[in-house]
Amino acid sequence: MVVSRGAPIGVTLMQKCFSLGKYRRTFYQTTVLLLTFLAYTAFHMSRRPLAVVKNSLNQNCSKLTPPPGMILNNSTINNWCDWAPFDKKDANRLLGLLDSVYVFAYAVCMFISGMVAERIDLRYYLAIGMLLSGLFTYLFGLAFYLNIHSLTFFIVVQVIAGAVQCTGWPGVVACVGNWFSKGRRGLIFGVWKAHMYVGNILGAYVAGHFVAQNWGLSFIIPGAIVGVVGFVLFLFLVPHPEDVDCASTDHHNASKNQSSDMFVPNGNEIHATCVTLPQPGEKSPLTSKSNSSQHKNAITFWEAVRIPGVIEFSLCLFFSKLVSYTFLFWLPRYLDHTTGVGSQTSAYLSIAFDVGGILGGVVAGVLSDHTGASALTCVGFLGLAIPSLFIYEAYGSISQIGNIFMQLVCGALVNGPYALITTAVSTELGTHQSIKSNSKALSTVAAIIDATGSVGAAIGPLLAGLVSETSWSYVFYMMMFADLCALVSLLRIAIKEAKHCYGINFRCIPFTCCVPYEGTYEKIGR
């Protein structure tokens, strides 16, 4: 039995209890997927409450009956169903401001976050980020108990919360990218990306459960969960294969029948990809190369931007995330306004959009795997998303069943490209062949793409808060225009992919993967 020297304390104790043998790599890959899934589920769970609580912060008390069990006193009689300063006609504008300062802080810090993540231990980075995220989510909810009505307080809490949450995305993408090669990355990431929507669903459910009587708990409970998950990551997350004496992942040389996970860095196939650490004084070609990989030079910001495709996919995500986050922060409010079902029911009803997002992410990942055309897949989804938004705005309020169905369709088409770009595309660009073999770029590229998208995510909710005061129809026109811009930004790459995969000068057929081979494209059967 061997205890890996770079493993976290929880894994070290586990290794002392039992041996995994030839299944070590599979076990660690599964563990990384589950832990990062759980981490980002918790992150998104803490982002959802404000969207749900908006309806409680701005209601007309004179037309409502206090919830059962509510004890009214001097501090609650005038604000149990609203909350200054969000109890005036400009409530949507102020609530949109809270959304935007949060996401702007997230976006600005994200540009730096990726480069920081490449230079420090990802386990510490993620764990500390989650603990701080939980703390500031808790502080927002604490305002209910301390009777805080200062807009400045809420803005400061939102800014710091957004800044610390930027640790999450580049960290989890880099961890998963470090363990998995290109072969089925689209499908793996498509399923794994469901964490965002699962987090939104759980956040809506938890916040919706408490929103009618005690909106403070709508923040405090998710905040506590984020902190607990951060501590679990500190104990068990293994960011790099080398930390537990496994061969580093080859991102470029995988073929149909041989995963790159079955090769050591020098290209020699071995029976077990996780090996025993040599005793003091002994040397191992595998471990010496693995250890040296930990000292790779991190890529610079400008080197990452020059990677082919980074700018185009970043612009596409800017507009795609604008639409996605407008739904994230405003859908419960819109449902309450158009259907009159109330704050709790609108929170539960909005879950359908996130369920559609799960389906869209998986379908987009599978299509990308089989066609090898990520941009073309995104363009197809975006082209269908525009009419789906028009239909939802026009007919979504007719019935709840129809509303749910159209939410599923819109969620799939709006979030499919978002899921694909932030996962499989970011990872592929972060391991692009144009990068020097001794460079680390996964976190930096993922952060640049997500940060650019987050700028759009900040602008969307802010504009929605302003435009909705005139008409909710204008909010949907704004989102349709944003999806059109996202489509146009990828058009050049999509046309190039279409020519490569389906042009008469290439030997590719539909549902095969087209990869460059000696200046042409050669079919590789799936």
Protein backbone atom coordinates (compact mmCIF):
# COMPACT_ATOMS: atom_id res chain seq x y z
CA MET A 1 0.00 0.00 0.00
CA VAL A 2 1.34 3.39 -1.03
CA VAL A 3 0.24 6.81 0.19
CA SER A 4 0.56 9.52 -2.45
CA ARG A 5 2.69 12.41 -1.29
CA GLY A 6 0.68 15.18 -2.96
CA ALA A 7 -2.79 13.94 -1.99
CA PRO A 8 -5.12 15.94 0.29
CA ILE A 9 -5.61 14.73 3.84
CA GLY A 10 -8.94 13.00 3.17
CA VAL A 11 -7.51 11.02 0.24
CA THR A 12 -4.38 10.16 2.27
CA LEU A 13 -6.50 8.65 5.04
CA MET A 14 -8.58 6.78 2.48
CA GLN A 15 -5.45 5.33 0.85
CA LYS A 16 -4.33 4.01 4.22
CA CYS A 17 -7.61 2.15 4.64
CA PHE A 18 -7.82 0.34 1.30
CA SER A 19 -6.12 -0.04 -2.07
CA LEU A 20 -7.83 0.66 -5.41
CA GLY A 21 -5.39 -1.30 -7.60
CA LYS A 22 -5.85 -0.94 -11.32
CA TYR A 23 -9.06 1.06 -10.83
CA ARG A 24 -7.29 3.98 -9.17
CA ARG A 25 -7.49 6.35 -12.12
CA THR A 26 -11.16 5.62 -12.77
CA PHE A 27 -11.90 6.16 -9.09
CA TYR A 28 -10.11 9.50 -8.98
CA GLN A 29 -11.71 10.66 -12.25
CA THR A 30 -15.15 9.84 -10.86
CA THR A 31 -14.34 11.58 -7.60
CA VAL A 32 -13.18 14.74 -9.38
CA LEU A 33 -16.35 14.81 -11.51
CA LEU A 34 -18.60 14.37 -8.47
CA LEU A 35 -16.80 16.89 -6.27
CA THR A 36 -16.60 19.60 -8.93
CA PHE A 37 -20.24 18.93 -9.83
CA LEU A 38 -21.19 19.34 -6.19
CA ALA A 39 -19.06 22.49 -5.88
CA TYR A 40 -20.62 24.35 -8.77
CA THR A 41 -24.10 23.15 -7.82
CA ALA A 42 -23.54 24.88 -4.49
CA PHE A 43 -22.15 28.01 -6.18
CA HIS A 44 -25.25 28.37 -8.35
CA MET A 45 -27.54 27.49 -5.47
CA SER A 46 -26.26 30.62 -3.71
CA ARG A 47 -26.87 32.80 -6.80
CA ARG A 48 -30.55 31.93 -7.17
CA PRO A 49 -32.18 33.34 -3.97
CA LEU A 50 -32.21 37.02 -5.02
CA ALA A 51 -34.25 36.18 -8.14
CA VAL A 52 -36.83 34.45 -5.93
CA VAL A 53 -36.82 37.02 -3.11
CA LYS A 54 -37.40 39.96 -5.48
CA ASN A 55 -41.13 39.33 -5.35
CA SER A 56 -41.15 39.53 -1.54
CA LEU A 57 -39.00 42.63 -1.38
CA ASN A 58 -41.49 44.60 -3.45
CA GLN A 59 -45.18 43.91 -2.74
CA ASN A 60 -48.19 45.94 -1.64
CA CYS A 61 -48.76 45.04 2.02
CA SER A 62 -52.26 46.46 2.09
CA LYS A 63 -53.48 43.87 -0.40
CA LEU A 64 -51.91 40.83 1.30
CA THR A 65 -52.63 38.71 4.35
CA PRO A 66 -49.72 37.98 6.71
CA PRO A 67 -48.44 34.38 6.47
CA PRO A 68 -49.67 31.94 9.15
CA GLY A 69 -47.56 32.19 12.28
CA MET A 70 -46.18 35.64 11.43
CA ILE A 71 -45.98 37.77 14.57
CA LEU A 72 -46.38 41.43 13.70
CA ASN A 73 -44.62 44.04 15.79
CA ASN A 74 -43.25 47.53 15.24
CA SER A 75 -40.34 46.24 13.15
CA THR A 76 -42.33 43.92 10.89
CA ILE A 77 -45.76 45.49 10.48
CA ASN A 78 -44.62 47.76 7.66
CA ASN A 79 -42.10 45.48 5.94
CA TRP A 80 -43.12 41.86 6.32
CA CYS A 81 -44.19 41.84 2.67
CA ASP A 82 -41.82 44.49 1.26
CA TRP A 83 -38.44 45.87 2.19
CA ALA A 84 -37.12 49.40 1.92
CA PRO A 85 -35.46 50.65 -0.24
CA PHE A 86 -37.09 48.18 -2.66
CA ASP A 87 -40.68 49.17 -1.83
CA LYS A 88 -41.04 52.03 -4.31
CA LYS A 89 -41.85 52.28 -8.01
CA ASP A 90 -38.16 52.09 -8.90
CA ALA A 91 -37.83 48.64 -7.26
CA ASN A 92 -37.04 46.83 -10.53
CA ARG A 93 -34.28 49.33 -11.27
CA LEU A 94 -32.66 48.89 -7.84
CA LEU A 95 -32.99 45.11 -7.91
CA GLY A 96 -31.46 45.06 -11.40
CA LEU A 97 -28.61 47.15 -10.00
CA LEU A 98 -27.93 44.50 -7.34
CA ASP A 99 -27.82 41.81 -10.04
CA SER A 100 -25.45 43.80 -12.19
CA VAL A 101 -22.93 44.89 -9.54
CA TYR A 102 -22.69 41.23 -8.51
CA VAL A 103 -22.00 39.98 -12.03
CA PHE A 104 -19.76 42.94 -12.96
CA ALA A 105 -17.57 42.20 -9.93
CA TYR A 106 -17.58 38.54 -10.95
CA ALA A 107 -16.60 39.40 -14.53
CA VAL A 108 -13.80 41.84 -13.67
CA CYS A 109 -12.22 39.49 -11.14
CA MET A 110 -12.63 36.52 -13.48
CA PHE A 111 -10.12 37.99 -15.93
CA ILE A 112 -7.54 37.76 -13.16
CA SER A 113 -8.86 34.60 -11.54
CA GLY A 114 -7.76 32.22 -14.30
CA MET A 115 -4.15 33.38 -14.19
CA VAL A 116 -4.12 33.12 -10.39
CA ALA A 117 -5.58 29.60 -10.56
CA GLU A 118 -2.76 28.47 -12.87
CA ARG A 119 -0.19 29.54 -10.27
CA ILE A 120 -1.55 28.16 -6.98
CA ASP A 121 -3.04 24.91 -5.69
CA LEU A 122 -6.53 24.56 -7.17
CA ARG A 123 -7.80 22.74 -4.07
CA TYR A 124 -6.96 25.66 -1.79
CA TYR A 125 -8.24 28.15 -4.35
CA LEU A 126 -11.65 26.50 -4.67
CA ALA A 127 -12.06 25.76 -0.96
CA ILE A 128 -11.27 29.32 0.15
CA GLY A 129 -13.50 30.76 -2.58
CA MET A 130 -16.43 28.60 -1.47
CA LEU A 131 -16.03 29.47 2.22
CA LEU A 132 -16.02 33.19 1.42
CA SER A 133 -18.97 32.82 -0.98
CA GLY A 134 -20.97 31.11 1.75
CA LEU A 135 -20.11 33.88 4.20
CA PHE A 136 -21.34 36.74 2.00
CA THR A 137 -24.48 34.88 0.95
CA TYR A 138 -25.17 34.46 4.66
CA LEU A 139 -24.61 38.20 5.26
CA PHE A 140 -27.26 39.13 2.69
CA GLY A 141 -29.81 37.00 4.54
CA LEU A 142 -28.69 38.40 7.88
CA ALA A 143 -30.11 41.78 6.81
CA PHE A 144 -33.59 40.36 7.46
CA TYR A 145 -32.80 39.70 11.13
CA LEU A 146 -30.83 42.90 11.68
CA ASN A 147 -33.52 44.98 9.93
CA ILE A 148 -30.98 46.52 7.51
CA HIS A 149 -32.45 48.78 4.81
CA SER A 150 -29.29 50.37 3.45
CA LEU A 151 -28.84 50.06 -0.30
CA THR A 152 -25.11 50.56 0.23
CA PHE A 153 -24.96 47.48 2.46
CA PHE A 154 -26.64 45.30 -0.16
CA ILE A 155 -24.40 46.63 -2.95
CA VAL A 156 -21.19 46.02 -0.96
CA VAL A 157 -22.25 42.48 -0.08
CA GLN A 158 -23.13 41.75 -3.71
CA VAL A 159 -19.83 43.14 -5.02
CA ILE A 160 -17.68 41.07 -2.64
CA ALA A 161 -19.83 37.98 -3.17
CA GLY A 162 -19.37 38.28 -6.95
CA ALA A 163 -15.63 38.80 -6.57
CA VAL A 164 -15.07 35.67 -4.47
CA GLN A 165 -17.35 33.52 -6.65
CA CYS A 166 -14.98 34.04 -9.59
CA THR A 167 -12.72 31.39 -8.03
CA GLY A 168 -15.19 28.67 -8.97
CA TRP A 169 -15.40 28.31 -12.73
CA PRO A 170 -11.72 28.33 -13.82
CA GLY A 171 -10.95 26.03 -10.91
CA VAL A 172 -13.51 23.32 -11.64
CA VAL A 173 -12.94 23.41 -15.43
CA ALA A 174 -9.19 23.03 -14.95
CA CYS A 175 -9.65 20.14 -12.52
CA VAL A 176 -11.90 18.20 -14.90
CA GLY A 177 -9.76 19.10 -17.95
CA ASN A 178 -6.65 17.83 -16.16
CA TRP A 179 -8.20 14.37 -15.81
CA PHE A 180 -10.02 13.81 -19.14
CA SER A 181 -8.76 13.68 -22.71
CA LYS A 182 -10.59 14.96 -25.78
CA GLY A 183 -12.41 11.80 -26.93
CA ARG A 184 -15.81 12.13 -25.23
CA ARG A 185 -15.30 15.51 -23.63
CA GLY A 186 -18.48 16.99 -25.15
CA LEU A 187 -20.74 14.30 -23.65
CA ILE A 188 -18.92 14.27 -20.30
CA PHE A 189 -19.03 18.04 -20.01
CA GLY A 190 -22.61 18.17 -21.28
CA VAL A 191 -23.77 15.94 -18.44
CA TRP A 192 -21.40 17.56 -15.92
CA LYS A 193 -22.59 21.06 -16.87
CA ALA A 194 -25.97 20.13 -15.42
CA HIS A 195 -24.55 21.28 -12.08
CA MET A 196 -25.50 24.85 -12.98
CA TYR A 197 -29.13 23.98 -13.54
CA VAL A 198 -29.33 21.58 -10.61
CA GLY A 199 -27.98 24.42 -8.45
CA ASN A 200 -30.56 26.83 -9.88
CA ILE A 201 -33.34 24.32 -9.23
CA LEU A 202 -32.25 23.61 -5.66
CA GLY A 203 -31.71 27.31 -5.03
CA ALA A 204 -35.21 28.12 -6.32
CA TYR A 205 -36.73 25.36 -4.20
CA VAL A 206 -34.95 26.31 -0.97
CA ALA A 207 -35.50 30.04 -1.45
CA GLY A 208 -39.11 29.48 -2.49
CA HIS A 209 -39.76 27.40 0.63
CA PHE A 210 -38.81 30.26 2.97
CA VAL A 211 -39.60 33.35 0.87
CA ALA A 212 -43.18 33.86 2.04
CA GLN A 213 -42.39 33.98 5.78
CA ASN A 214 -38.65 34.57 6.19
CA TRP A 215 -36.67 35.60 3.13
CA GLY A 216 -33.49 35.78 5.24
CA LEU A 217 -33.36 31.97 5.38
CA SER A 218 -33.57 31.93 1.58
CA PHE A 219 -29.95 33.18 1.67
CA ILE A 220 -28.66 31.73 4.93
CA ILE A 221 -29.39 28.06 4.11
CA PRO A 222 -27.67 28.12 0.66
CA GLY A 223 -24.76 30.07 2.19
CA ALA A 224 -24.23 27.37 4.82
CA ILE A 225 -24.34 24.65 2.15
CA VAL A 226 -21.66 26.40 0.06
CA GLY A 227 -19.35 26.58 3.08
CA VAL A 228 -19.78 22.89 3.92
CA VAL A 229 -19.09 21.81 0.34
CA GLY A 230 -15.96 23.98 0.31
CA PHE A 231 -14.64 22.14 3.36
CA VAL A 232 -15.35 18.77 1.69
CA LEU A 233 -13.36 19.89 -1.37
CA PHE A 234 -10.45 20.85 0.86
CA LEU A 235 -10.41 17.31 2.27
CA PHE A 236 -10.86 15.24 -0.89
CA LEU A 237 -10.32 17.12 -4.20
CA VAL A 238 -7.38 15.91 -6.34
CA PRO A 239 -6.78 18.62 -9.01
CA HIS A 240 -3.96 16.87 -10.92
CA PRO A 241 -3.33 13.19 -11.78
CA GLU A 242 0.27 13.66 -10.66
CA ASP A 243 -0.92 14.42 -7.11
CA VAL A 244 -1.82 10.74 -6.69
CA ASP A 245 0.95 9.32 -8.92
CA CYS A 246 -1.16 8.89 -12.08
CA ALA A 247 0.06 9.62 -15.60
CA SER A 248 -0.74 13.10 -16.84
CA THR A 249 -3.46 13.33 -19.49
CA ASP A 250 -2.48 13.55 -23.17
CA HIS A 251 -4.85 16.07 -24.76
CA HIS A 252 -3.76 15.67 -28.39
CA ASN A 253 -2.86 12.07 -29.23
CA ALA A 254 -5.96 10.11 -28.30
CA SER A 255 -7.42 7.86 -30.99
CA LYS A 256 -10.56 5.84 -31.35
CA ASN A 257 -9.49 2.72 -29.53
CA GLN A 258 -6.82 4.08 -27.29
CA SER A 259 -7.58 6.82 -24.83
CA SER A 260 -4.80 9.21 -24.08
CA ASP A 261 -5.35 8.24 -20.46
CA MET A 262 -3.61 4.95 -21.34
CA PHE A 263 -0.31 6.59 -22.24
CA VAL A 264 2.54 7.90 -20.20
CA PRO A 265 4.09 11.22 -21.27
CA ASN A 266 6.72 9.61 -23.48
CA GLY A 267 4.07 7.75 -25.47
CA ASN A 268 4.73 4.22 -24.17
CA GLU A 269 1.58 2.29 -23.33
CA ILE A 270 1.41 0.85 -19.84
CA HIS A 271 -0.99 -1.54 -18.16
CA ALA A 272 -1.89 0.68 -15.23
CA THR A 273 -1.95 4.42 -15.52
CA CYS A 274 -1.53 5.01 -11.78
CA VAL A 275 1.77 3.69 -10.52
CA THR A 276 3.52 3.13 -7.25
CA LEU A 277 5.75 5.91 -6.08
CA PRO A 278 9.40 4.72 -5.98
CA GLN A 279 11.18 4.37 -2.69
CA PRO A 280 13.71 7.04 -1.69
CA GLY A 281 16.76 6.81 -3.93
CA GLU A 282 14.92 5.11 -6.78
CA LYS A 283 14.03 6.82 -10.06
CA SER A 284 11.00 6.32 -12.24
CA PRO A 285 10.65 7.80 -15.75
CA LEU A 286 6.93 8.17 -15.23
CA THR A 287 7.00 9.90 -11.87
CA SER A 288 9.91 12.11 -12.77
CA LYS A 289 8.06 13.35 -15.85
CA SER A 290 4.82 13.68 -13.94
CA ASN A 291 6.46 15.69 -11.23
CA SER A 292 8.10 17.92 -13.78
CA SER A 293 4.70 18.64 -15.28
CA GLN A 294 3.75 20.37 -12.07
CA HIS A 295 6.32 23.05 -12.87
CA LYS A 296 4.94 24.02 -16.27
CA ASN A 297 4.97 27.70 -17.07
CA ALA A 298 1.56 29.37 -16.89
CA ILE A 299 0.50 31.04 -20.13
CA THR A 300 0.10 34.84 -20.21
CA PHE A 301 -3.16 36.66 -20.86
CA TRP A 302 -2.16 37.82 -24.34
CA GLU A 303 -0.90 34.39 -25.34
CA ALA A 304 -4.27 32.96 -24.34
CA VAL A 305 -6.20 35.59 -26.32
CA ARG A 306 -4.18 34.75 -29.46
CA ILE A 307 -5.27 31.11 -29.41
CA PRO A 308 -7.47 30.62 -32.52
CA GLY A 309 -11.15 30.78 -31.63
CA VAL A 310 -10.86 32.35 -28.17
CA ILE A 311 -12.10 35.78 -29.26
CA GLU A 312 -15.01 34.46 -31.34
CA PHE A 313 -16.30 32.08 -28.67
CA SER A 314 -15.83 34.76 -26.00
CA LEU A 315 -18.02 37.18 -27.96
CA CYS A 316 -20.63 34.48 -28.51
CA LEU A 317 -20.71 33.76 -24.79
CA PHE A 318 -21.05 37.49 -24.06
CA PHE A 319 -24.44 37.55 -25.79
CA SER A 320 -25.50 34.00 -24.83
CA LYS A 321 -24.85 34.58 -21.14
CA LEU A 322 -26.67 37.92 -21.31
CA VAL A 323 -29.82 36.00 -22.24
CA SER A 324 -29.24 33.14 -19.79
CA TYR A 325 -28.68 35.42 -16.80
CA THR A 326 -31.64 37.62 -17.69
CA PHE A 327 -33.74 34.50 -17.27
CA LEU A 328 -31.82 33.47 -14.14
CA PHE A 329 -32.42 36.75 -12.31
CA TRP A 330 -35.79 37.83 -13.71
CA LEU A 331 -37.85 34.79 -14.69
CA PRO A 332 -39.65 34.38 -11.31
CA ARG A 333 -40.47 38.10 -11.34
CA TYR A 334 -41.74 37.87 -14.93
CA LEU A 335 -43.88 34.82 -14.14
CA ASP A 336 -45.44 36.53 -11.13
CA HIS A 337 -46.16 39.63 -13.22
CA THR A 338 -47.74 37.81 -16.20
CA THR A 339 -49.52 34.94 -14.45
CA GLY A 340 -50.19 36.33 -10.95
CA VAL A 341 -49.35 33.00 -9.31
CA GLY A 342 -47.44 34.54 -6.38
CA SER A 343 -43.80 34.56 -5.29
CA GLN A 344 -43.60 30.95 -4.09
CA THR A 345 -45.36 29.36 -7.08
CA SER A 346 -43.41 31.47 -9.57
CA ALA A 347 -40.16 30.25 -7.98
CA TYR A 348 -41.20 26.63 -8.44
CA LEU A 349 -42.59 27.26 -11.94
CA SER A 350 -39.28 28.77 -13.10
CA ILE A 351 -37.53 25.44 -12.47
CA ALA A 352 -38.71 24.21 -15.90
CA PHE A 353 -36.28 26.58 -17.66
CA ASP A 354 -33.32 24.99 -15.85
CA VAL A 355 -34.55 21.47 -16.62
CA GLY A 356 -34.52 22.49 -20.28
CA GLY A 357 -30.97 23.79 -19.78
CA ILE A 358 -29.85 20.34 -18.61
CA LEU A 359 -31.30 18.70 -21.73
CA GLY A 360 -29.82 21.35 -24.01
CA GLY A 361 -26.33 20.99 -22.54
CA VAL A 362 -26.32 17.21 -23.02
CA VAL A 363 -27.68 17.36 -26.58
CA ALA A 364 -25.21 20.09 -27.58
CA GLY A 365 -22.33 18.07 -26.11
CA VAL A 366 -23.33 14.89 -27.96
CA LEU A 367 -23.73 16.74 -31.27
CA SER A 368 -20.34 18.39 -30.80
CA ASP A 369 -18.70 15.02 -30.12
CA HIS A 370 -20.20 13.38 -33.20
CA THR A 371 -19.69 16.23 -35.65
CA GLY A 372 -16.51 17.81 -34.32
CA ALA A 373 -18.17 21.13 -35.15
CA SER A 374 -18.75 23.07 -31.93
CA ALA A 375 -19.39 26.42 -33.62
CA LEU A 376 -21.86 24.90 -36.06
CA THR A 377 -23.71 23.26 -33.17
CA CYS A 378 -23.93 26.58 -31.32
CA VAL A 379 -25.18 28.41 -34.41
CA GLY A 380 -27.94 25.83 -34.89
CA PHE A 381 -29.12 26.20 -31.29
CA LEU A 382 -29.02 30.01 -31.42
CA GLY A 383 -30.91 30.10 -34.71
CA LEU A 384 -33.76 28.11 -33.14
CA ALA A 385 -33.63 30.04 -29.85
CA ILE A 386 -34.71 33.33 -31.47
CA PRO A 387 -38.17 32.19 -32.66
CA SER A 388 -38.66 30.16 -29.48
CA LEU A 389 -38.28 33.31 -27.36
CA PHE A 390 -40.80 35.13 -29.56
CA ILE A 391 -43.33 32.30 -29.18
CA TYR A 392 -42.82 32.09 -25.41
CA GLU A 393 -43.39 35.81 -24.91
CA ALA A 394 -46.50 35.75 -27.08
CA TYR A 395 -48.20 32.60 -25.78
CA GLY A 396 -46.46 31.63 -22.53
CA SER A 397 -49.12 33.15 -20.27
CA ILE A 398 -52.06 31.24 -21.77
CA SER A 399 -51.71 28.18 -19.51
CA GLN A 400 -49.26 26.80 -16.96
CA ILE A 401 -48.76 23.56 -18.92
CA GLY A 402 -47.94 25.49 -22.08
CA ASN A 403 -45.68 27.81 -20.11
CA ILE A 404 -43.73 24.88 -18.69
CA PHE A 405 -43.34 23.25 -22.10
CA MET A 406 -42.12 26.48 -23.72
CA GLN A 407 -39.73 27.06 -20.82
CA LEU A 408 -38.24 23.61 -21.47
CA VAL A 409 -37.73 24.43 -25.16
CA CYS A 410 -36.31 27.91 -24.50
CA GLY A 411 -34.08 26.61 -21.72
CA ALA A 412 -32.59 23.94 -23.98
CA LEU A 413 -31.96 26.26 -26.93
CA VAL A 414 -30.71 29.25 -24.90
CA ASN A 415 -28.42 27.29 -22.58
CA GLY A 416 -27.11 24.64 -25.01
CA PRO A 417 -24.46 26.95 -26.56
CA TYR A 418 -23.69 28.47 -23.15
CA ALA A 419 -23.01 25.02 -21.69
CA LEU A 420 -20.92 23.86 -24.65
CA ILE A 421 -18.72 26.98 -24.85
CA THR A 422 -17.95 27.17 -21.13
CA THR A 423 -16.99 23.50 -20.88
CA ALA A 424 -15.83 21.42 -23.86
CA VAL A 425 -14.87 24.38 -26.05
CA SER A 426 -12.98 26.16 -23.26
CA THR A 427 -11.09 22.98 -22.38
CA GLU A 428 -10.21 22.25 -25.99
CA LEU A 429 -8.95 25.79 -26.56
CA GLY A 430 -7.03 25.61 -23.28
CA THR A 431 -5.16 22.55 -24.57
CA HIS A 432 -4.84 23.80 -28.15
CA GLN A 433 -1.89 22.49 -30.17
CA SER A 434 -0.70 26.03 -30.82
CA ILE A 435 0.24 26.32 -27.13
CA LYS A 436 3.75 25.34 -26.12
CA SER A 437 3.82 21.87 -24.61
CA ASN A 438 5.26 23.21 -21.37
CA SER A 439 2.47 25.75 -20.81
CA LYS A 440 -0.57 25.67 -18.55
CA ALA A 441 -3.57 27.43 -20.07
CA LEU A 442 -6.78 25.65 -19.04
CA SER A 443 -7.74 27.99 -16.20
CA THR A 444 -6.67 31.13 -18.06
CA VAL A 445 -8.61 30.35 -21.24
CA ALA A 446 -11.70 29.22 -19.30
CA ALA A 447 -11.54 32.42 -17.25
CA ILE A 448 -11.16 34.72 -20.29
CA ILE A 449 -14.14 33.17 -22.06
CA ASP A 450 -16.33 33.06 -18.95
CA ALA A 451 -15.32 36.58 -17.86
CA THR A 452 -16.29 38.01 -21.25
CA GLY A 453 -19.59 36.18 -20.99
CA SER A 454 -20.07 37.50 -17.46
CA VAL A 455 -19.86 41.08 -18.69
CA GLY A 456 -22.88 40.28 -20.83
CA ALA A 457 -24.47 38.55 -17.84
CA ALA A 458 -24.10 41.82 -15.90
CA ILE A 459 -25.53 44.00 -18.65
CA GLY A 460 -28.55 41.78 -19.36
CA PRO A 461 -30.23 41.87 -15.91
CA LEU A 462 -29.49 45.59 -15.57
CA LEU A 463 -31.16 46.37 -18.91
CA ALA A 464 -34.04 44.04 -18.03
CA GLY A 465 -34.66 45.98 -14.83
CA LEU A 466 -34.80 49.25 -16.76
CA VAL A 467 -36.72 48.04 -19.81
CA SER A 468 -39.29 46.03 -17.83
CA GLU A 469 -40.63 49.26 -16.34
CA THR A 470 -41.93 50.06 -19.84
CA SER A 471 -42.85 46.60 -21.11
CA TRP A 472 -41.71 42.99 -20.60
CA SER A 473 -42.07 42.51 -24.38
CA TYR A 474 -39.08 44.79 -24.88
CA VAL A 475 -37.02 42.55 -22.58
CA PHE A 476 -37.69 39.62 -24.90
CA TYR A 477 -36.85 41.68 -27.99
CA MET A 478 -33.55 42.54 -26.29
CA MET A 479 -32.83 38.84 -25.69
CA MET A 480 -33.71 37.89 -29.27
CA PHE A 481 -31.34 40.54 -30.59
CA ALA A 482 -28.59 39.28 -28.25
CA ASP A 483 -29.00 35.71 -29.53
CA LEU A 484 -28.75 37.02 -33.10
CA CYS A 485 -25.49 38.79 -32.23
CA ALA A 486 -24.18 35.57 -30.63
CA LEU A 487 -25.00 33.67 -33.82
CA VAL A 488 -23.23 36.24 -36.03
CA SER A 489 -20.08 36.18 -33.88
CA LEU A 490 -19.59 32.47 -34.63
CA LEU A 491 -20.68 32.55 -38.25
CA ARG A 492 -17.16 32.62 -39.73
CA ILE A 493 -15.98 29.60 -37.73
CA ALA A 494 -19.26 27.75 -38.35
CA ILE A 495 -18.98 28.22 -42.13
CA LYS A 496 -15.40 27.01 -42.01
CA GLU A 497 -16.46 23.92 -40.01
CA ALA A 498 -19.29 23.21 -42.45
CA LYS A 499 -16.88 23.34 -45.41
CA HIS A 500 -14.40 21.10 -43.64
CA CYS A 501 -16.95 18.52 -42.57
CA TYR A 502 -19.35 18.52 -45.51
CA GLY A 503 -17.48 20.16 -48.42
CA ILE A 504 -16.85 18.25 -51.62
CA ASN A 505 -13.07 18.40 -51.14
CA PHE A 506 -13.19 16.55 -47.84
CA ARG A 507 -13.88 12.94 -47.02
CA CYS A 508 -16.21 13.55 -44.06
CA ILE A 509 -19.83 12.51 -43.75
CA PRO A 510 -22.46 13.59 -41.21
CA PHE A 511 -22.09 12.35 -37.65
CA THR A 512 -18.39 11.68 -37.93
CA CYS A 513 -15.60 13.63 -36.31
CA CYS A 514 -13.53 15.82 -38.63
CA VAL A 515 -9.98 16.41 -37.48
CA PRO A 516 -7.04 18.03 -39.31
CA TYR A 517 -4.68 15.50 -40.90
CA GLU A 518 -1.79 16.58 -43.10
CA GLY A 519 -3.62 19.60 -44.46
CA THR A 520 -6.94 17.83 -45.11
CA TYR A 521 -9.70 16.42 -42.96
CA GLU A 522 -10.01 12.70 -42.46
CA LYS A 523 -13.02 10.81 -41.19
CA ILE A 524 -12.67 9.12 -37.84
CA GLY A 525 -15.61 6.86 -37.07
CA ARG A 526 -17.16 7.13 -33.66
